[in-house]
Amino acid sequence: MNQEEGMNLTPKTGPSPSDEIGIESLPVTSYWADIVRAFTKNKIAVLGLCILTVIVFLCVAAPWFTPYDPVMDMDLSKTLLPPGSEGHPLGTDHLGRDIWCRLLYGGRTSVLTGLSVALLSGFVGVTIGLISGYFGGTLDSLLMRFTDIMLSFPFMVLAIAIVAVLGSKQQNIVLALAIVGWPGFARLTRGQVLAIKSTEYVEAAMVAGFSHFRIIFSHILPNCMGLIIIQATLAVGGAILSAAGLAYLGLGVDAASPEWGMMLSQGKGYLRTATYLTTIPGIAISLTVLAMNWIGDGLRDAFDPKMRK
């Protein structure tokens, strides 16, 4: 055998064509990339996200879209102008204030209230659910019985009672709605923790001697985040509706402050002569809540492995 033939018999060390095809046919994707891909395939959820983005942008950039002040710019000579009037595309209210201006600035208050309530109630509820589900025993029984007591009260009646005691201020409304809203997060989180705690990787972490803090925040909480995020998106819409209901009953922010629920309350006396005073903020509330619900439904489907298939 000559040297050239010996070189031809040298085994190849590089990947074969079949290996290259196998590698190309199995693209590596992350968990969150799959979530985003599944969410973007849901047209209704994407539409809801677009609507919410437009609403938030208009409210945040309100000074760019209106020259008026929502409280100080009153003109009693231009009261109850209908939509389409010169200088007032959505008309004016009973004090001559521009409705488009108050709608944009009022959205800041309403959306901020919804987000604040969702964050505060979510923090309290998730914390209680984690502690209750993970440690179990007597502590679980006490926390869940307290949660059951909170759930036994009518949601709106308890919120009205709390606001009536604390006073009609924005921070008190957020606090009241968070107090009556955290039990839902607690129940949901506890159920997820009980299911995850019995998995093999959590039991292995316990046997390995990991601290409770590390097990909860490294192994259990990340696997609960999907349902918690979904619950939070739905809680924002519910909080906006509840805050508007409190304002409609006269338990909202100051009457001069722009807020969608307060605009509804002030327009109820003009339902026959100027229905736009209630329909315009009502449409704004409905669109925002509807967008949040569509986003929540899309996230629910995106986080469900069966729906992603």
Foldseek 3Di string as FASTA:
>chain_A
DDPVVVVVPDDDDDDDPVVVVVVVVDDDDDLVVLLVVLLVVQPLLVVLVVLLVVLVVCLVPVVVPAVDDLFPDFDCVQALADAPDVRANHGHHRRRGRPSSLLSPQSVLLLVLLLLLLVLLLVVQLVLLLVLQPVPDPSVVVSVVVLVVLVVDDLLVQLLVQLVVVDAASVSSSVSNSSSRNSVNNVLNSVQSNVQCPDPVNVVCVVVPDDPVCSSVPPRVVVSVLVSVLSSLLSSLVSSVSQLVCLLVVSHHDLSHRHLSSQLNSCPVCCPPRVSSNVVSVVVSVSNNSSSNSNSVSSVLSSDPVSSD
